[in-house]
Every structure is written in structure tokens, then in C-alpha cells.
């Protein structure tokens, strides 16, 4: 992969390269929040909560610092195949950036190869890389599609995300059964209605209801 392509891949992945999460600041902030609620920060059940939360955020927000080149590990192969490749029902967990509450769902990702295919396990890893950030579902959908487009330069890419947002289940409108669906279509999936419909039919066939 050329240096130009590396740079495009990093840009598409929106990689943040720094020294990582400041766990001490998170611990202090969580302790302040607990105190502000009127809780006793030093009681048995809460004494280690700031540390637990700091370690949790280090895991849940690891996608900001996931190196896309290391993640892919040269798992892009030259293959003479031009039919649709689809990986469906990829579970993901992310954090809404508006309330920092989880949204949980499934991703369906397809592409039309143009001489290159990607290792099967890499598509779920790409989904996880973008999910493990403070997100909005619409942006995450586009990020997955754009990275695959940059990486494979295929005839087309299609991504559909379906998710339950706890910020609308636990608070606000409190609608337990509300689901959000977003899509991003590039190339053949955007220009060719028959190709797009084939993809949509494939992900709806045998689909099971999304549940918490």
C-alpha cells in the first residue's frame, strides 16, 4: 500500500494519535459527579466506582486509537470475483455522544469487489473500531462505508445499521420498542436500484427482531 493510500486510510478512520485516555481525570470527574448527586463517594459500593468507570471508558472508547493498518494486517487479497459480498447481523455496542448512554444494534455491510476482497473477520472489526467511540448512528454508518470505499475501491459499498438507543428508552420519550435504521450507499448500490434491492432483500430475509 502506497504512502498516499495509508494517509487516506488514516483519514477515513478518523484516527486520534495521542497518549491515550487520561484515566486520572476521569476518576476525578466521576467522583465529582457522584458527590454532586448527593451520594457518599467513599461508601463501600462506590469507593472503587471512579476507577471502574475509567477502565470501562478505556475499553469502550478504544476505537479512537485503533490503528486501521494494524487492524487490517494486510488482509486485502486480489481475487477475480465481482458478485456481492455481504456480512450481515454484526452485533455492535456504542455510546451516544449526546447523553453518553449506549446504543446497541446490528450492522449489515456489503460491497461489490473490483479485483480486491477483504478477510471475513475484518469487516466486524471495522464496525467495532467505529462503534467504540462517542458516536451518532448516522456518522458511524458513513464512516464504515467510507473506509471500505477507500480501502477496496470497489464497484460499490452498502451499509445499514439498526439500533436501539437507551437515551430514548430510559429517558425522554421512553419508547422501548423504537428502533433506528440508517444507511449509506456508494457506487453500484446507489446508482443501480436492482443491486440496492438485492442487498435490502438479503438483509431482510430471515431477519430476527432486534432486542435488548
N, C-alpha and C. Protein backbone atom coordinates (compact mmCIF):
# COMPACT_ATOMS: atom_id res chain seq x y z
N UNK A 1 0.85 -1.19 0.00
CA UNK A 1 0.00 0.00 0.00
C UNK A 1 0.89 1.24 0.00
N UNK A 2 0.60 2.19 -0.89
CA UNK A 2 1.42 3.39 -1.01
C UNK A 2 1.21 4.30 0.19
N UNK A 3 2.16 5.25 0.37
CA UNK A 3 2.03 6.21 1.46
C UNK A 3 0.76 7.04 1.32
N UNK A 4 0.40 7.37 0.08
CA UNK A 4 -0.82 8.14 -0.16
C UNK A 4 -2.04 7.36 0.31
N UNK A 5 -2.06 6.05 0.00
CA UNK A 5 -3.20 5.23 0.42
C UNK A 5 -3.23 5.06 1.94
N UNK A 6 -2.06 4.94 2.56
CA UNK A 6 -2.00 4.89 4.03
C UNK A 6 -2.63 6.15 4.62
N UNK A 7 -2.25 7.29 4.08
CA UNK A 7 -2.78 8.56 4.60
C UNK A 7 -4.29 8.65 4.42
N UNK A 8 -4.78 8.20 3.27
CA UNK A 8 -6.23 8.21 3.03
C UNK A 8 -6.94 7.29 4.02
N UNK A 9 -6.32 6.14 4.30
CA UNK A 9 -6.92 5.17 5.23
C UNK A 9 -7.00 5.75 6.63
N UNK A 10 -5.91 6.38 7.07
CA UNK A 10 -5.92 7.03 8.40
C UNK A 10 -6.97 8.12 8.46
N UNK A 11 -7.06 8.90 7.39
CA UNK A 11 -8.04 9.99 7.37
C UNK A 11 -9.46 9.44 7.41
N UNK A 12 -9.73 8.37 6.65
CA UNK A 12 -11.06 7.77 6.64
C UNK A 12 -11.41 7.16 7.98
N UNK A 13 -10.38 6.68 8.70
CA UNK A 13 -10.62 6.06 10.01
C UNK A 13 -10.75 7.08 11.13
N UNK A 14 -10.46 8.35 10.84
CA UNK A 14 -10.52 9.42 11.85
C UNK A 14 -9.72 9.04 13.09
N UNK A 15 -8.51 8.55 12.87
CA UNK A 15 -7.68 8.06 13.97
C UNK A 15 -7.16 9.20 14.82
N UNK A 16 -7.23 9.04 16.13
CA UNK A 16 -6.66 10.00 17.06
C UNK A 16 -5.37 9.39 17.62
N UNK A 17 -4.26 10.02 17.35
CA UNK A 17 -2.98 9.51 17.82
C UNK A 17 -2.45 10.42 18.94
N UNK A 18 -2.56 9.95 20.17
CA UNK A 18 -2.02 10.70 21.29
C UNK A 18 -1.64 9.71 22.38
N UNK A 19 -1.52 10.17 23.60
CA UNK A 19 -1.05 9.30 24.68
C UNK A 19 -2.16 8.47 25.31
N UNK A 20 -3.37 8.54 24.77
CA UNK A 20 -4.44 7.72 25.30
C UNK A 20 -5.31 8.46 26.29
N UNK A 21 -6.23 7.71 26.89
CA UNK A 21 -7.19 8.29 27.82
C UNK A 21 -6.51 8.71 29.11
N UNK A 22 -6.90 9.86 29.65
CA UNK A 22 -6.39 10.36 30.93
C UNK A 22 -7.25 9.77 32.05
N UNK A 23 -6.87 8.59 32.52
CA UNK A 23 -7.68 7.87 33.49
C UNK A 23 -7.83 8.63 34.80
N UNK A 24 -6.78 9.35 35.19
CA UNK A 24 -6.85 10.09 36.46
C UNK A 24 -7.91 11.19 36.39
N UNK A 25 -8.00 11.90 35.28
CA UNK A 25 -9.03 12.93 35.13
C UNK A 25 -10.43 12.33 35.14
N UNK A 26 -10.57 11.16 34.51
CA UNK A 26 -11.88 10.50 34.52
C UNK A 26 -12.27 10.10 35.93
N UNK A 27 -11.33 9.54 36.69
CA UNK A 27 -11.62 9.16 38.08
C UNK A 27 -12.06 10.36 38.90
N UNK A 28 -11.35 11.46 38.74
CA UNK A 28 -11.70 12.68 39.48
C UNK A 28 -13.08 13.19 39.07
N UNK A 29 -13.36 13.17 37.76
CA UNK A 29 -14.65 13.67 37.26
C UNK A 29 -15.81 12.80 37.75
N UNK A 30 -15.62 11.48 37.74
CA UNK A 30 -16.68 10.58 38.20
C UNK A 30 -16.95 10.79 39.69
N UNK A 31 -15.88 10.96 40.46
CA UNK A 31 -16.05 11.21 41.90
C UNK A 31 -16.83 12.51 42.13
N UNK A 32 -16.55 13.53 41.30
CA UNK A 32 -17.27 14.80 41.42
C UNK A 32 -18.75 14.61 41.07
N UNK A 33 -19.04 13.85 40.05
CA UNK A 33 -20.44 13.61 39.66
C UNK A 33 -21.17 12.87 40.77
N UNK A 34 -20.54 11.84 41.33
CA UNK A 34 -21.17 11.09 42.41
C UNK A 34 -21.46 11.99 43.60
N UNK A 35 -20.49 12.83 43.94
CA UNK A 35 -20.68 13.75 45.06
C UNK A 35 -21.81 14.74 44.76
N UNK A 36 -21.89 15.19 43.50
CA UNK A 36 -22.91 16.16 43.11
C UNK A 36 -24.32 15.58 43.18
N UNK A 37 -24.44 14.26 43.07
CA UNK A 37 -25.76 13.63 43.19
C UNK A 37 -26.20 13.49 44.65
N UNK A 38 -25.29 13.78 45.57
CA UNK A 38 -25.60 13.63 46.99
C UNK A 38 -25.14 12.31 47.59
N UNK A 39 -24.49 11.49 46.77
CA UNK A 39 -24.00 10.21 47.24
C UNK A 39 -22.75 10.36 48.11
N UNK A 40 -22.50 9.35 48.91
CA UNK A 40 -21.27 9.27 49.69
C UNK A 40 -20.24 8.52 48.85
N UNK A 41 -19.29 9.24 48.35
CA UNK A 41 -18.34 8.68 47.39
C UNK A 41 -17.49 7.57 48.02
N UNK A 42 -17.30 7.63 49.31
CA UNK A 42 -16.43 6.65 49.96
C UNK A 42 -17.17 5.44 50.52
N UNK A 43 -18.49 5.34 50.27
CA UNK A 43 -19.19 4.17 50.80
C UNK A 43 -18.76 2.93 50.02
N UNK A 44 -18.99 1.76 50.61
CA UNK A 44 -18.43 0.52 50.08
C UNK A 44 -18.75 0.30 48.59
N UNK A 45 -20.00 0.50 48.20
CA UNK A 45 -20.39 0.22 46.82
C UNK A 45 -19.84 1.19 45.80
N UNK A 46 -19.44 2.39 46.25
CA UNK A 46 -18.98 3.43 45.32
C UNK A 46 -17.48 3.73 45.40
N UNK A 47 -16.82 3.21 46.41
CA UNK A 47 -15.42 3.59 46.64
C UNK A 47 -14.54 3.32 45.42
N UNK A 48 -14.79 2.25 44.71
CA UNK A 48 -13.97 1.90 43.55
C UNK A 48 -14.65 2.22 42.23
N UNK A 49 -15.80 2.86 42.29
CA UNK A 49 -16.53 3.17 41.06
C UNK A 49 -15.76 4.10 40.13
N UNK A 50 -15.14 5.18 40.60
CA UNK A 50 -14.38 6.02 39.66
C UNK A 50 -13.31 5.24 38.90
N UNK A 51 -12.64 4.32 39.57
CA UNK A 51 -11.62 3.52 38.88
C UNK A 51 -12.25 2.57 37.87
N UNK A 52 -13.38 1.97 38.26
CA UNK A 52 -14.07 1.06 37.35
C UNK A 52 -14.53 1.80 36.09
N UNK A 53 -15.08 2.99 36.28
CA UNK A 53 -15.57 3.76 35.14
C UNK A 53 -14.42 4.17 34.22
N UNK A 54 -13.29 4.55 34.79
CA UNK A 54 -12.13 4.92 33.97
C UNK A 54 -11.66 3.75 33.12
N UNK A 55 -11.61 2.56 33.72
CA UNK A 55 -11.20 1.38 32.96
C UNK A 55 -12.24 1.01 31.91
N UNK A 56 -13.51 1.22 32.23
CA UNK A 56 -14.58 0.95 31.26
C UNK A 56 -14.45 1.85 30.04
N UNK A 57 -14.22 3.15 30.26
CA UNK A 57 -14.12 4.08 29.13
C UNK A 57 -12.89 3.77 28.27
N UNK A 58 -11.84 3.30 28.90
CA UNK A 58 -10.65 2.94 28.13
C UNK A 58 -10.99 1.83 27.13
N UNK A 59 -11.86 0.90 27.55
CA UNK A 59 -12.29 -0.17 26.66
C UNK A 59 -13.32 0.30 25.65
N UNK A 60 -14.37 1.00 26.13
CA UNK A 60 -15.48 1.38 25.26
C UNK A 60 -15.10 2.43 24.23
N UNK A 61 -14.05 3.21 24.51
CA UNK A 61 -13.63 4.27 23.59
C UNK A 61 -12.31 3.95 22.90
N UNK A 62 -11.96 2.68 22.85
CA UNK A 62 -10.68 2.28 22.26
C UNK A 62 -10.64 2.50 20.76
N UNK A 63 -11.80 2.67 20.12
CA UNK A 63 -11.83 2.82 18.67
C UNK A 63 -11.17 4.09 18.17
N UNK A 64 -11.06 5.11 19.02
CA UNK A 64 -10.39 6.35 18.61
C UNK A 64 -8.93 6.10 18.27
N UNK A 65 -8.34 5.10 18.89
CA UNK A 65 -6.90 4.88 18.77
C UNK A 65 -6.56 3.55 18.13
N UNK A 66 -7.55 2.91 17.51
CA UNK A 66 -7.30 1.67 16.79
C UNK A 66 -6.63 1.99 15.47
N UNK A 67 -5.45 1.46 15.27
CA UNK A 67 -4.70 1.71 14.05
C UNK A 67 -5.32 0.88 12.92
N UNK A 68 -5.88 1.51 11.89
CA UNK A 68 -6.57 0.75 10.84
C UNK A 68 -5.64 -0.17 10.07
N UNK A 69 -4.38 0.22 9.91
CA UNK A 69 -3.43 -0.62 9.17
C UNK A 69 -3.13 -1.89 9.97
N UNK A 70 -2.91 -1.74 11.29
CA UNK A 70 -2.68 -2.92 12.12
C UNK A 70 -3.92 -3.79 12.21
N UNK A 71 -5.09 -3.15 12.25
CA UNK A 71 -6.34 -3.91 12.30
C UNK A 71 -6.50 -4.77 11.05
N UNK A 72 -6.20 -4.21 9.90
CA UNK A 72 -6.37 -4.95 8.64
C UNK A 72 -5.30 -6.01 8.45
N UNK A 73 -4.08 -5.74 8.92
CA UNK A 73 -2.99 -6.73 8.91
C UNK A 73 -2.83 -7.37 7.53
N UNK A 74 -2.84 -6.54 6.50
CA UNK A 74 -2.63 -7.00 5.11
C UNK A 74 -3.67 -8.01 4.65
N UNK A 75 -4.85 -8.00 5.25
CA UNK A 75 -5.89 -8.97 4.87
C UNK A 75 -6.75 -8.46 3.72
N UNK A 76 -6.10 -7.87 2.73
CA UNK A 76 -6.76 -7.47 1.48
C UNK A 76 -6.12 -8.30 0.38
N UNK A 77 -6.97 -9.02 -0.37
CA UNK A 77 -6.47 -10.01 -1.32
C UNK A 77 -7.00 -9.71 -2.73
N UNK A 78 -6.16 -9.98 -3.71
CA UNK A 78 -6.55 -9.80 -5.11
C UNK A 78 -7.24 -11.07 -5.59
N UNK A 79 -8.53 -10.92 -5.92
CA UNK A 79 -9.36 -12.06 -6.32
C UNK A 79 -10.24 -11.64 -7.48
N UNK A 80 -10.39 -12.52 -8.47
CA UNK A 80 -11.29 -12.24 -9.60
C UNK A 80 -12.70 -12.66 -9.23
N UNK A 81 -13.39 -11.76 -8.54
CA UNK A 81 -14.77 -12.03 -8.10
C UNK A 81 -15.50 -10.70 -8.10
N UNK A 82 -16.67 -10.66 -8.73
CA UNK A 82 -17.36 -9.37 -8.83
C UNK A 82 -18.82 -9.42 -8.39
N UNK A 83 -19.22 -10.51 -7.69
CA UNK A 83 -20.56 -10.56 -7.14
C UNK A 83 -20.58 -9.96 -5.73
N UNK A 84 -21.77 -9.67 -5.25
CA UNK A 84 -21.90 -9.01 -3.95
C UNK A 84 -21.34 -9.87 -2.82
N UNK A 85 -20.57 -9.24 -1.95
CA UNK A 85 -20.09 -9.85 -0.71
C UNK A 85 -20.84 -9.18 0.43
N UNK A 86 -21.49 -9.98 1.26
CA UNK A 86 -22.33 -9.43 2.33
C UNK A 86 -21.99 -10.09 3.66
N UNK A 87 -21.77 -9.27 4.68
CA UNK A 87 -21.67 -9.75 6.05
C UNK A 87 -22.80 -9.09 6.82
N UNK A 88 -23.71 -9.88 7.35
CA UNK A 88 -24.90 -9.32 7.99
C UNK A 88 -24.95 -9.70 9.47
N UNK A 89 -25.81 -8.98 10.20
CA UNK A 89 -26.06 -9.27 11.62
C UNK A 89 -24.79 -9.17 12.47
N UNK A 90 -24.00 -8.12 12.23
CA UNK A 90 -22.81 -7.87 13.04
C UNK A 90 -23.24 -7.09 14.28
N UNK A 91 -23.16 -7.71 15.44
CA UNK A 91 -23.56 -7.02 16.67
C UNK A 91 -22.57 -5.90 17.01
N UNK A 92 -23.09 -4.79 17.49
CA UNK A 92 -22.20 -3.72 17.94
C UNK A 92 -22.81 -3.01 19.15
N UNK A 93 -21.94 -2.37 19.90
CA UNK A 93 -22.31 -1.58 21.08
C UNK A 93 -21.56 -0.27 20.99
N UNK A 94 -22.28 0.83 21.13
CA UNK A 94 -21.63 2.13 21.06
C UNK A 94 -22.21 3.04 22.12
N UNK A 95 -21.66 4.26 22.20
CA UNK A 95 -22.12 5.26 23.16
C UNK A 95 -22.59 6.50 22.42
N UNK A 96 -23.85 6.88 22.67
CA UNK A 96 -24.39 8.10 22.09
C UNK A 96 -23.62 9.31 22.64
N UNK A 97 -23.16 10.18 21.76
CA UNK A 97 -22.36 11.32 22.22
C UNK A 97 -23.20 12.41 22.89
N UNK A 98 -24.52 12.34 22.75
CA UNK A 98 -25.37 13.38 23.34
C UNK A 98 -25.62 13.14 24.83
N UNK A 99 -25.81 11.88 25.23
CA UNK A 99 -26.09 11.58 26.64
C UNK A 99 -25.12 10.56 27.23
N UNK A 100 -24.20 10.05 26.40
CA UNK A 100 -23.23 9.04 26.82
C UNK A 100 -23.93 7.79 27.36
N UNK A 101 -25.08 7.48 26.78
CA UNK A 101 -25.77 6.22 27.05
C UNK A 101 -25.57 5.29 25.86
N UNK A 102 -25.64 3.98 26.08
CA UNK A 102 -25.37 3.03 24.98
C UNK A 102 -26.44 3.04 23.91
N UNK A 103 -26.02 2.73 22.69
CA UNK A 103 -26.96 2.23 21.68
C UNK A 103 -26.40 0.93 21.14
N UNK A 104 -27.32 -0.02 20.93
CA UNK A 104 -26.96 -1.41 20.70
C UNK A 104 -27.66 -1.86 19.43
N UNK A 105 -26.94 -2.53 18.54
CA UNK A 105 -27.60 -2.91 17.31
C UNK A 105 -26.84 -3.91 16.48
N UNK A 106 -27.23 -3.94 15.19
CA UNK A 106 -26.62 -4.83 14.21
C UNK A 106 -26.24 -4.02 12.98
N UNK A 107 -25.12 -4.42 12.38
CA UNK A 107 -24.68 -3.81 11.13
C UNK A 107 -24.74 -4.85 10.02
N UNK A 108 -25.13 -4.38 8.84
CA UNK A 108 -25.13 -5.21 7.63
C UNK A 108 -24.25 -4.48 6.61
N UNK A 109 -23.21 -5.14 6.13
CA UNK A 109 -22.21 -4.49 5.28
C UNK A 109 -22.01 -5.33 4.02
N UNK A 110 -22.06 -4.67 2.87
CA UNK A 110 -21.84 -5.36 1.60
C UNK A 110 -20.96 -4.51 0.69
N UNK A 111 -20.28 -5.19 -0.23
CA UNK A 111 -19.52 -4.47 -1.26
C UNK A 111 -19.50 -5.30 -2.54
N UNK A 112 -19.23 -4.61 -3.64
CA UNK A 112 -19.11 -5.23 -4.95
C UNK A 112 -17.65 -5.17 -5.35
N UNK A 113 -16.91 -6.28 -5.26
CA UNK A 113 -15.45 -6.25 -5.46
C UNK A 113 -15.06 -5.80 -6.87
N UNK A 114 -13.92 -5.14 -6.92
CA UNK A 114 -13.31 -4.77 -8.19
C UNK A 114 -11.85 -5.22 -8.14
N UNK A 115 -11.67 -6.55 -8.04
CA UNK A 115 -10.32 -7.11 -8.03
C UNK A 115 -9.73 -7.31 -6.65
N UNK A 116 -10.40 -6.79 -5.59
CA UNK A 116 -9.88 -6.94 -4.23
C UNK A 116 -11.01 -7.33 -3.28
N UNK A 117 -10.68 -8.24 -2.35
CA UNK A 117 -11.62 -8.60 -1.28
C UNK A 117 -10.88 -8.48 0.05
N UNK A 118 -11.66 -8.40 1.12
CA UNK A 118 -11.09 -8.24 2.46
C UNK A 118 -11.41 -9.48 3.29
N UNK A 119 -10.50 -9.87 4.19
CA UNK A 119 -10.72 -11.01 5.05
C UNK A 119 -12.02 -10.90 5.82
N UNK A 120 -12.72 -12.02 5.98
CA UNK A 120 -14.06 -12.02 6.56
C UNK A 120 -14.12 -11.36 7.93
N UNK A 121 -13.13 -11.62 8.79
CA UNK A 121 -13.18 -11.10 10.16
C UNK A 121 -12.94 -9.59 10.23
N UNK A 122 -12.43 -9.00 9.14
CA UNK A 122 -12.03 -7.59 9.21
C UNK A 122 -13.23 -6.64 9.16
N UNK A 123 -14.31 -7.06 8.51
CA UNK A 123 -15.48 -6.17 8.45
C UNK A 123 -16.08 -5.98 9.85
N UNK A 124 -16.33 -7.05 10.63
CA UNK A 124 -16.77 -6.81 12.01
C UNK A 124 -15.78 -5.97 12.83
N UNK A 125 -14.49 -6.13 12.57
CA UNK A 125 -13.50 -5.34 13.31
C UNK A 125 -13.59 -3.86 12.94
N UNK A 126 -13.86 -3.58 11.67
CA UNK A 126 -14.04 -2.19 11.24
C UNK A 126 -15.28 -1.60 11.91
N UNK A 127 -16.37 -2.38 11.96
CA UNK A 127 -17.58 -1.92 12.65
C UNK A 127 -17.26 -1.59 14.10
N UNK A 128 -16.53 -2.48 14.78
CA UNK A 128 -16.18 -2.25 16.19
C UNK A 128 -15.29 -1.03 16.37
N UNK A 129 -14.37 -0.80 15.43
CA UNK A 129 -13.47 0.35 15.54
C UNK A 129 -14.26 1.65 15.61
N UNK A 130 -15.30 1.76 14.78
CA UNK A 130 -16.10 2.98 14.78
C UNK A 130 -17.15 2.99 15.89
N UNK A 131 -17.60 1.80 16.31
CA UNK A 131 -18.59 1.74 17.39
C UNK A 131 -17.98 2.15 18.72
N UNK A 132 -16.72 1.84 18.94
CA UNK A 132 -16.08 2.11 20.22
C UNK A 132 -15.57 3.55 20.29
N UNK A 133 -16.51 4.45 20.11
CA UNK A 133 -16.28 5.89 20.17
C UNK A 133 -17.56 6.55 20.67
N UNK A 134 -17.49 7.81 21.04
CA UNK A 134 -18.72 8.58 21.23
C UNK A 134 -19.27 8.85 19.84
N UNK A 135 -20.51 8.42 19.59
CA UNK A 135 -20.99 8.38 18.22
C UNK A 135 -22.41 8.92 18.08
N UNK A 136 -22.75 9.20 16.84
CA UNK A 136 -24.14 9.24 16.40
C UNK A 136 -24.25 8.18 15.31
N UNK A 137 -25.37 7.52 15.25
CA UNK A 137 -25.51 6.37 14.35
C UNK A 137 -25.31 6.76 12.89
N UNK A 138 -25.80 7.95 12.52
CA UNK A 138 -25.69 8.38 11.13
C UNK A 138 -24.22 8.49 10.71
N UNK A 139 -23.40 9.11 11.56
CA UNK A 139 -21.98 9.27 11.23
C UNK A 139 -21.26 7.93 11.18
N UNK A 140 -21.56 7.06 12.15
CA UNK A 140 -20.92 5.75 12.18
C UNK A 140 -21.20 4.97 10.91
N UNK A 141 -22.44 5.04 10.42
CA UNK A 141 -22.81 4.35 9.18
C UNK A 141 -21.94 4.82 8.02
N UNK A 142 -21.80 6.14 7.90
CA UNK A 142 -21.00 6.71 6.82
C UNK A 142 -19.53 6.37 6.96
N UNK A 143 -19.01 6.37 8.18
CA UNK A 143 -17.59 6.08 8.40
C UNK A 143 -17.23 4.66 7.95
N UNK A 144 -18.09 3.71 8.27
CA UNK A 144 -17.83 2.33 7.84
C UNK A 144 -17.79 2.24 6.33
N UNK A 145 -18.78 2.85 5.67
CA UNK A 145 -18.84 2.80 4.21
C UNK A 145 -17.64 3.50 3.57
N UNK A 146 -17.27 4.66 4.10
CA UNK A 146 -16.17 5.43 3.51
C UNK A 146 -14.83 4.72 3.66
N UNK A 147 -14.62 4.07 4.81
CA UNK A 147 -13.35 3.35 4.99
C UNK A 147 -13.24 2.19 4.01
N UNK A 148 -14.31 1.42 3.86
CA UNK A 148 -14.28 0.30 2.91
C UNK A 148 -14.10 0.79 1.48
N UNK A 149 -14.71 1.93 1.16
CA UNK A 149 -14.56 2.51 -0.17
C UNK A 149 -13.12 2.91 -0.43
N UNK A 150 -12.48 3.53 0.56
CA UNK A 150 -11.07 3.92 0.42
C UNK A 150 -10.17 2.69 0.33
N UNK A 151 -10.48 1.69 1.11
CA UNK A 151 -9.61 0.52 1.21
C UNK A 151 -9.66 -0.36 -0.03
N UNK A 152 -10.86 -0.66 -0.50
CA UNK A 152 -11.04 -1.65 -1.56
C UNK A 152 -11.26 -1.05 -2.94
N UNK A 153 -11.66 0.25 -2.99
CA UNK A 153 -12.01 0.88 -4.27
C UNK A 153 -12.93 -0.03 -5.08
N UNK A 154 -14.03 -0.48 -4.47
CA UNK A 154 -14.92 -1.45 -5.13
C UNK A 154 -15.89 -0.77 -6.09
N UNK A 155 -16.73 -1.60 -6.73
CA UNK A 155 -17.78 -1.05 -7.58
C UNK A 155 -18.89 -0.42 -6.73
N UNK A 156 -18.98 -0.79 -5.47
CA UNK A 156 -20.00 -0.22 -4.60
C UNK A 156 -19.88 -0.73 -3.17
N UNK A 157 -20.40 0.06 -2.24
CA UNK A 157 -20.43 -0.32 -0.82
C UNK A 157 -21.82 0.03 -0.28
N UNK A 158 -22.35 -0.85 0.56
CA UNK A 158 -23.63 -0.59 1.21
C UNK A 158 -23.52 -0.94 2.69
N UNK A 159 -24.02 -0.06 3.53
CA UNK A 159 -24.01 -0.28 4.98
C UNK A 159 -25.38 0.10 5.54
N UNK A 160 -25.97 -0.79 6.32
CA UNK A 160 -27.20 -0.50 7.05
C UNK A 160 -26.98 -0.83 8.52
N UNK A 161 -27.33 0.11 9.39
CA UNK A 161 -27.26 -0.09 10.83
C UNK A 161 -28.66 0.00 11.42
N UNK A 162 -28.99 -0.95 12.29
CA UNK A 162 -30.24 -0.93 13.05
C UNK A 162 -29.88 -0.93 14.52
N UNK A 163 -30.46 -0.03 15.32
CA UNK A 163 -30.05 0.06 16.72
C UNK A 163 -31.17 0.53 17.63
N UNK A 164 -31.05 0.12 18.88
CA UNK A 164 -31.90 0.59 19.97
C UNK A 164 -31.06 1.58 20.78
N UNK A 165 -31.60 2.77 21.01
CA UNK A 165 -30.87 3.82 21.73
C UNK A 165 -31.43 3.96 23.14
N UNK A 166 -30.60 3.69 24.14
CA UNK A 166 -31.08 3.75 25.51
C UNK A 166 -31.40 5.18 25.94
N UNK A 167 -30.88 6.17 25.23
CA UNK A 167 -31.25 7.55 25.57
C UNK A 167 -32.72 7.83 25.27
N UNK A 168 -33.33 7.05 24.38
CA UNK A 168 -34.77 7.21 24.13
C UNK A 168 -35.60 6.14 24.82
N UNK A 169 -34.94 5.11 25.34
CA UNK A 169 -35.64 4.05 26.07
C UNK A 169 -35.75 4.38 27.55
N UNK A 170 -34.64 4.88 28.12
CA UNK A 170 -34.57 5.10 29.57
C UNK A 170 -35.03 6.49 29.98
N UNK A 171 -34.98 7.45 29.07
CA UNK A 171 -35.28 8.84 29.41
C UNK A 171 -36.06 9.46 28.25
N UNK A 172 -36.39 10.74 28.37
CA UNK A 172 -37.06 11.43 27.28
C UNK A 172 -38.39 10.79 26.92
N UNK A 173 -38.52 10.32 25.67
CA UNK A 173 -39.79 9.78 25.21
C UNK A 173 -40.11 8.40 25.78
N UNK A 174 -39.08 7.70 26.27
CA UNK A 174 -39.25 6.38 26.90
C UNK A 174 -40.04 5.42 26.02
N UNK A 175 -39.57 5.24 24.78
CA UNK A 175 -40.22 4.33 23.83
C UNK A 175 -39.35 3.08 23.69
N UNK A 176 -39.73 2.03 24.38
CA UNK A 176 -38.91 0.83 24.48
C UNK A 176 -38.72 0.14 23.14
N UNK A 177 -39.74 0.15 22.28
CA UNK A 177 -39.68 -0.61 21.04
C UNK A 177 -39.19 0.20 19.84
N UNK A 178 -38.82 1.46 20.05
CA UNK A 178 -38.36 2.28 18.93
C UNK A 178 -37.00 1.80 18.44
N UNK A 179 -36.86 1.68 17.13
CA UNK A 179 -35.61 1.27 16.50
C UNK A 179 -35.21 2.33 15.49
N UNK A 180 -33.91 2.52 15.33
CA UNK A 180 -33.42 3.49 14.35
C UNK A 180 -32.65 2.74 13.27
N UNK A 181 -32.92 3.05 12.01
CA UNK A 181 -32.22 2.44 10.89
C UNK A 181 -31.56 3.53 10.05
N UNK A 182 -30.28 3.34 9.74
CA UNK A 182 -29.55 4.29 8.90
C UNK A 182 -28.85 3.51 7.79
N UNK A 183 -28.60 4.19 6.68
CA UNK A 183 -27.93 3.52 5.57
C UNK A 183 -26.98 4.45 4.87
N UNK A 184 -25.96 3.85 4.23
CA UNK A 184 -25.04 4.58 3.36
C UNK A 184 -24.81 3.71 2.13
N UNK A 185 -25.05 4.26 0.96
CA UNK A 185 -24.92 3.53 -0.30
C UNK A 185 -23.94 4.26 -1.22
N UNK A 186 -22.95 3.54 -1.69
CA UNK A 186 -21.96 4.11 -2.61
C UNK A 186 -21.95 3.31 -3.91
N UNK A 187 -21.56 3.96 -4.98
CA UNK A 187 -21.33 3.27 -6.26
C UNK A 187 -22.56 2.55 -6.76
N UNK A 188 -22.38 1.27 -7.11
CA UNK A 188 -23.45 0.48 -7.70
C UNK A 188 -24.69 0.37 -6.84
N UNK A 189 -24.52 0.37 -5.53
CA UNK A 189 -25.68 0.27 -4.64
C UNK A 189 -26.52 1.56 -4.67
N UNK A 190 -25.87 2.66 -4.96
CA UNK A 190 -26.60 3.94 -5.03
C UNK A 190 -27.21 4.16 -6.41
N UNK A 191 -26.47 3.75 -7.44
CA UNK A 191 -26.88 4.06 -8.81
C UNK A 191 -27.83 3.02 -9.40
N UNK A 192 -27.74 1.77 -8.93
CA UNK A 192 -28.50 0.68 -9.53
C UNK A 192 -29.58 0.19 -8.57
N UNK A 193 -30.85 0.52 -8.84
CA UNK A 193 -31.93 0.12 -7.93
C UNK A 193 -32.01 -1.39 -7.73
N UNK A 194 -31.72 -2.19 -8.77
CA UNK A 194 -31.80 -3.64 -8.65
C UNK A 194 -30.74 -4.18 -7.70
N UNK A 195 -29.54 -3.62 -7.78
CA UNK A 195 -28.46 -4.04 -6.87
C UNK A 195 -28.79 -3.65 -5.44
N UNK A 196 -29.28 -2.44 -5.26
CA UNK A 196 -29.68 -1.99 -3.93
C UNK A 196 -30.78 -2.87 -3.35
N UNK A 197 -31.74 -3.22 -4.18
CA UNK A 197 -32.86 -4.05 -3.71
C UNK A 197 -32.38 -5.45 -3.37
N UNK A 198 -31.44 -5.98 -4.15
CA UNK A 198 -30.87 -7.30 -3.82
C UNK A 198 -30.25 -7.29 -2.43
N UNK A 199 -29.52 -6.23 -2.13
CA UNK A 199 -28.90 -6.09 -0.81
C UNK A 199 -29.98 -6.00 0.27
N UNK A 200 -30.96 -5.15 0.08
CA UNK A 200 -32.01 -4.97 1.09
C UNK A 200 -32.82 -6.25 1.29
N UNK A 201 -33.09 -6.97 0.21
CA UNK A 201 -33.80 -8.24 0.33
C UNK A 201 -32.96 -9.26 1.11
N UNK A 202 -31.67 -9.25 0.87
CA UNK A 202 -30.77 -10.22 1.54
C UNK A 202 -30.72 -10.00 3.04
N UNK A 203 -30.71 -8.73 3.48
CA UNK A 203 -30.60 -8.49 4.91
C UNK A 203 -31.93 -8.64 5.63
N UNK A 204 -33.04 -8.56 4.86
CA UNK A 204 -34.35 -8.72 5.50
C UNK A 204 -34.77 -10.19 5.54
N UNK A 205 -34.18 -11.01 4.69
CA UNK A 205 -34.55 -12.42 4.63
C UNK A 205 -34.08 -13.15 5.89
N UNK A 206 -35.00 -13.68 6.64
CA UNK A 206 -34.65 -14.42 7.85
C UNK A 206 -34.23 -13.54 9.01
N UNK A 207 -34.50 -12.24 8.91
CA UNK A 207 -34.08 -11.33 9.98
C UNK A 207 -34.87 -11.61 11.26
N UNK A 208 -34.17 -11.53 12.38
CA UNK A 208 -34.83 -11.69 13.69
C UNK A 208 -34.97 -10.32 14.34
N UNK A 209 -36.02 -10.12 15.14
CA UNK A 209 -36.22 -8.82 15.77
C UNK A 209 -35.04 -8.42 16.65
N UNK A 210 -34.69 -7.15 16.60
CA UNK A 210 -33.61 -6.62 17.43
C UNK A 210 -34.15 -6.40 18.84
N UNK A 211 -33.52 -7.05 19.81
CA UNK A 211 -33.99 -6.95 21.20
C UNK A 211 -32.85 -6.54 22.12
N UNK A 212 -33.22 -5.89 23.21
CA UNK A 212 -32.23 -5.55 24.22
C UNK A 212 -31.84 -6.79 25.01
